[in-house]
């Protein structure tokens, strides 16, 4: 598994994260400030959101709820 470097949107600390090989967003806990944030892999890299500020399709918990209710995968 490869890694990517992202910047925490809360404290701006650089952090290496695992790259899963798909485009599902996931949560990361910052190693510096311990706050959770969202990383969404996109075609040309990653998009990073503060927890609670991502659109529903980019928030893993909201996405799971929406897709679970609709029967889509």
N, C-alpha and C. Protein backbone atom coordinates (compact mmCIF):
# COMPACT_ATOMS: atom_id res chain seq x y z
N UNK A 1 0.85 -1.18 0.00
CA UNK A 1 0.00 0.00 0.00
C UNK A 1 0.90 1.24 0.00
N UNK A 2 0.55 2.20 -0.84
CA UNK A 2 1.34 3.42 -0.91
C UNK A 2 0.78 4.48 0.04
N UNK A 3 1.51 5.57 0.16
CA UNK A 3 1.09 6.65 1.04
C UNK A 3 1.04 7.97 0.27
N UNK A 4 0.32 8.92 0.82
CA UNK A 4 0.25 10.28 0.28
C UNK A 4 0.44 11.24 1.44
N UNK A 5 0.94 12.41 1.14
CA UNK A 5 1.13 13.44 2.17
C UNK A 5 0.00 14.45 2.06
N UNK A 6 -0.68 14.69 3.19
CA UNK A 6 -1.75 15.69 3.25
C UNK A 6 -1.45 16.65 4.39
N UNK A 7 -2.14 17.77 4.38
CA UNK A 7 -2.00 18.77 5.44
C UNK A 7 -3.28 18.79 6.24
N UNK A 8 -3.17 18.67 7.55
CA UNK A 8 -4.33 18.71 8.44
C UNK A 8 -5.01 20.07 8.29
N UNK A 9 -6.32 20.08 8.04
CA UNK A 9 -7.02 21.37 7.89
C UNK A 9 -7.23 22.10 9.22
N UNK A 10 -6.94 21.44 10.32
CA UNK A 10 -7.12 22.05 11.64
C UNK A 10 -5.86 22.75 12.13
N UNK A 11 -4.70 22.09 11.99
CA UNK A 11 -3.46 22.66 12.53
C UNK A 11 -2.37 22.85 11.47
N UNK A 12 -2.63 22.45 10.22
CA UNK A 12 -1.70 22.58 9.09
C UNK A 12 -0.47 21.69 9.18
N UNK A 13 -0.49 20.66 10.03
CA UNK A 13 0.63 19.72 10.11
C UNK A 13 0.60 18.77 8.93
N UNK A 14 1.76 18.51 8.33
CA UNK A 14 1.86 17.51 7.27
C UNK A 14 1.76 16.12 7.88
N UNK A 15 1.12 15.23 7.13
CA UNK A 15 0.92 13.87 7.63
C UNK A 15 0.89 12.91 6.46
N UNK A 16 1.53 11.77 6.60
CA UNK A 16 1.45 10.72 5.59
C UNK A 16 0.27 9.82 5.91
N UNK A 17 -0.52 9.52 4.88
CA UNK A 17 -1.70 8.68 5.05
C UNK A 17 -1.64 7.53 4.05
N UNK A 18 -2.28 6.39 4.35
CA UNK A 18 -2.31 5.29 3.39
C UNK A 18 -3.25 5.62 2.23
N UNK A 19 -2.89 5.15 1.05
CA UNK A 19 -3.73 5.30 -0.13
C UNK A 19 -4.36 3.94 -0.39
N UNK A 20 -5.71 3.90 -0.39
CA UNK A 20 -6.44 2.64 -0.46
C UNK A 20 -6.66 2.12 -1.87
N UNK A 21 -6.52 2.93 -2.87
CA UNK A 21 -6.73 2.48 -4.24
C UNK A 21 -8.15 2.65 -4.75
N UNK A 22 -9.04 3.24 -3.95
CA UNK A 22 -10.38 3.57 -4.44
C UNK A 22 -10.68 5.02 -4.08
N UNK A 23 -11.84 5.48 -4.42
CA UNK A 23 -12.18 6.90 -4.22
C UNK A 23 -13.09 7.15 -3.03
N UNK A 24 -13.24 6.18 -2.14
CA UNK A 24 -14.08 6.39 -0.95
C UNK A 24 -13.39 7.34 0.03
N UNK A 25 -14.11 8.35 0.53
CA UNK A 25 -13.53 9.23 1.55
C UNK A 25 -13.37 8.47 2.87
N UNK A 26 -12.41 8.91 3.69
CA UNK A 26 -12.18 8.26 4.97
C UNK A 26 -11.68 9.27 5.99
N UNK A 27 -11.82 8.91 7.26
CA UNK A 27 -11.38 9.78 8.35
C UNK A 27 -9.93 9.52 8.69
N UNK A 28 -9.25 10.57 9.13
CA UNK A 28 -7.87 10.50 9.61
C UNK A 28 -7.82 11.27 10.92
N UNK A 29 -7.13 10.73 11.89
CA UNK A 29 -6.86 11.47 13.13
C UNK A 29 -5.47 12.07 13.02
N UNK A 30 -5.38 13.37 13.15
CA UNK A 30 -4.10 14.08 13.03
C UNK A 30 -3.15 13.64 14.13
N UNK A 31 -1.92 13.38 13.76
CA UNK A 31 -0.92 12.97 14.75
C UNK A 31 -0.43 14.14 15.59
N UNK A 32 -0.68 15.38 15.15
CA UNK A 32 -0.23 16.55 15.90
C UNK A 32 -1.31 17.10 16.84
N UNK A 33 -2.49 17.37 16.31
CA UNK A 33 -3.54 18.00 17.12
C UNK A 33 -4.61 17.01 17.58
N UNK A 34 -4.58 15.78 17.08
CA UNK A 34 -5.51 14.70 17.44
C UNK A 34 -6.95 14.95 16.97
N UNK A 35 -7.17 15.96 16.14
CA UNK A 35 -8.51 16.20 15.62
C UNK A 35 -8.73 15.36 14.37
N UNK A 36 -9.97 14.92 14.19
CA UNK A 36 -10.33 14.10 13.04
C UNK A 36 -10.62 14.98 11.84
N UNK A 37 -10.19 14.54 10.66
CA UNK A 37 -10.54 15.21 9.42
C UNK A 37 -10.81 14.18 8.35
N UNK A 38 -11.33 14.64 7.22
CA UNK A 38 -11.74 13.75 6.13
C UNK A 38 -10.79 13.92 4.96
N UNK A 39 -10.39 12.79 4.40
CA UNK A 39 -9.59 12.77 3.18
C UNK A 39 -10.42 12.09 2.10
N UNK A 40 -10.55 12.75 0.96
CA UNK A 40 -11.27 12.16 -0.17
C UNK A 40 -10.32 12.05 -1.35
N UNK A 41 -9.98 10.83 -1.75
CA UNK A 41 -9.16 10.66 -2.95
C UNK A 41 -9.93 11.12 -4.19
N UNK A 42 -9.28 11.86 -5.04
CA UNK A 42 -9.85 12.31 -6.30
C UNK A 42 -8.87 11.97 -7.41
N UNK A 43 -9.27 12.18 -8.64
CA UNK A 43 -8.46 11.77 -9.78
C UNK A 43 -7.04 12.32 -9.74
N UNK A 44 -6.87 13.56 -9.33
CA UNK A 44 -5.54 14.20 -9.36
C UNK A 44 -4.93 14.41 -7.98
N UNK A 45 -5.27 13.57 -7.00
CA UNK A 45 -4.70 13.72 -5.67
C UNK A 45 -5.72 13.46 -4.58
N UNK A 46 -5.82 14.41 -3.65
CA UNK A 46 -6.76 14.27 -2.54
C UNK A 46 -7.38 15.63 -2.22
N UNK A 47 -8.57 15.58 -1.63
CA UNK A 47 -9.22 16.77 -1.09
C UNK A 47 -9.36 16.53 0.41
N UNK A 48 -9.08 17.54 1.21
CA UNK A 48 -9.12 17.42 2.66
C UNK A 48 -10.17 18.37 3.22
N UNK A 49 -10.99 17.86 4.13
CA UNK A 49 -12.04 18.66 4.77
C UNK A 49 -11.92 18.55 6.28
N UNK A 50 -12.31 19.61 6.98
CA UNK A 50 -12.50 19.52 8.43
C UNK A 50 -13.72 18.64 8.69
N UNK A 51 -13.69 17.91 9.79
CA UNK A 51 -14.84 17.10 10.16
C UNK A 51 -16.04 18.01 10.37
N UNK A 52 -17.15 17.70 9.72
CA UNK A 52 -18.36 18.50 9.82
C UNK A 52 -18.51 19.54 8.74
N UNK A 53 -17.49 19.74 7.89
CA UNK A 53 -17.56 20.76 6.84
C UNK A 53 -17.61 20.18 5.44
N UNK A 54 -17.55 18.86 5.31
CA UNK A 54 -17.56 18.23 3.99
C UNK A 54 -18.98 18.09 3.48
N UNK A 55 -19.18 18.14 2.15
CA UNK A 55 -20.51 17.83 1.62
C UNK A 55 -20.86 16.38 1.94
N UNK A 56 -22.11 16.05 1.98
CA UNK A 56 -22.54 14.71 2.39
C UNK A 56 -21.86 13.60 1.59
N UNK A 57 -21.69 13.79 0.30
CA UNK A 57 -21.08 12.74 -0.53
C UNK A 57 -19.60 12.56 -0.21
N UNK A 58 -18.99 13.49 0.50
CA UNK A 58 -17.58 13.40 0.87
C UNK A 58 -17.37 13.06 2.34
N UNK A 59 -18.45 12.93 3.11
CA UNK A 59 -18.38 12.59 4.53
C UNK A 59 -18.70 11.11 4.68
N UNK A 60 -17.77 10.29 5.14
CA UNK A 60 -18.00 8.84 5.22
C UNK A 60 -19.27 8.44 5.97
N UNK A 61 -19.58 9.08 7.10
CA UNK A 61 -20.77 8.71 7.86
C UNK A 61 -22.04 9.12 7.14
N UNK A 62 -22.09 10.32 6.60
CA UNK A 62 -23.27 10.79 5.87
C UNK A 62 -23.46 9.97 4.60
N UNK A 63 -22.37 9.69 3.92
CA UNK A 63 -22.41 8.90 2.68
C UNK A 63 -22.98 7.51 2.94
N UNK A 64 -22.53 6.89 4.03
CA UNK A 64 -23.01 5.55 4.39
C UNK A 64 -24.51 5.58 4.66
N UNK A 65 -24.97 6.59 5.37
CA UNK A 65 -26.39 6.72 5.68
C UNK A 65 -27.20 6.92 4.40
N UNK A 66 -26.75 7.82 3.54
CA UNK A 66 -27.47 8.11 2.30
C UNK A 66 -27.51 6.90 1.37
N UNK A 67 -26.38 6.25 1.18
CA UNK A 67 -26.33 5.09 0.28
C UNK A 67 -27.04 3.90 0.90
N UNK A 68 -27.00 3.78 2.21
CA UNK A 68 -27.68 2.68 2.90
C UNK A 68 -29.19 2.80 2.79
N UNK A 69 -29.69 4.03 2.86
CA UNK A 69 -31.14 4.26 2.76
C UNK A 69 -31.65 4.04 1.35
N UNK A 70 -30.81 4.28 0.34
CA UNK A 70 -31.27 4.19 -1.03
C UNK A 70 -31.10 2.80 -1.62
N UNK A 71 -30.33 1.93 -0.95
CA UNK A 71 -30.08 0.60 -1.48
C UNK A 71 -28.96 0.56 -2.50
N UNK A 72 -28.26 1.68 -2.71
CA UNK A 72 -27.15 1.74 -3.68
C UNK A 72 -25.87 1.35 -3.01
N UNK A 73 -24.92 0.91 -3.79
CA UNK A 73 -23.59 0.57 -3.28
C UNK A 73 -22.57 1.47 -3.88
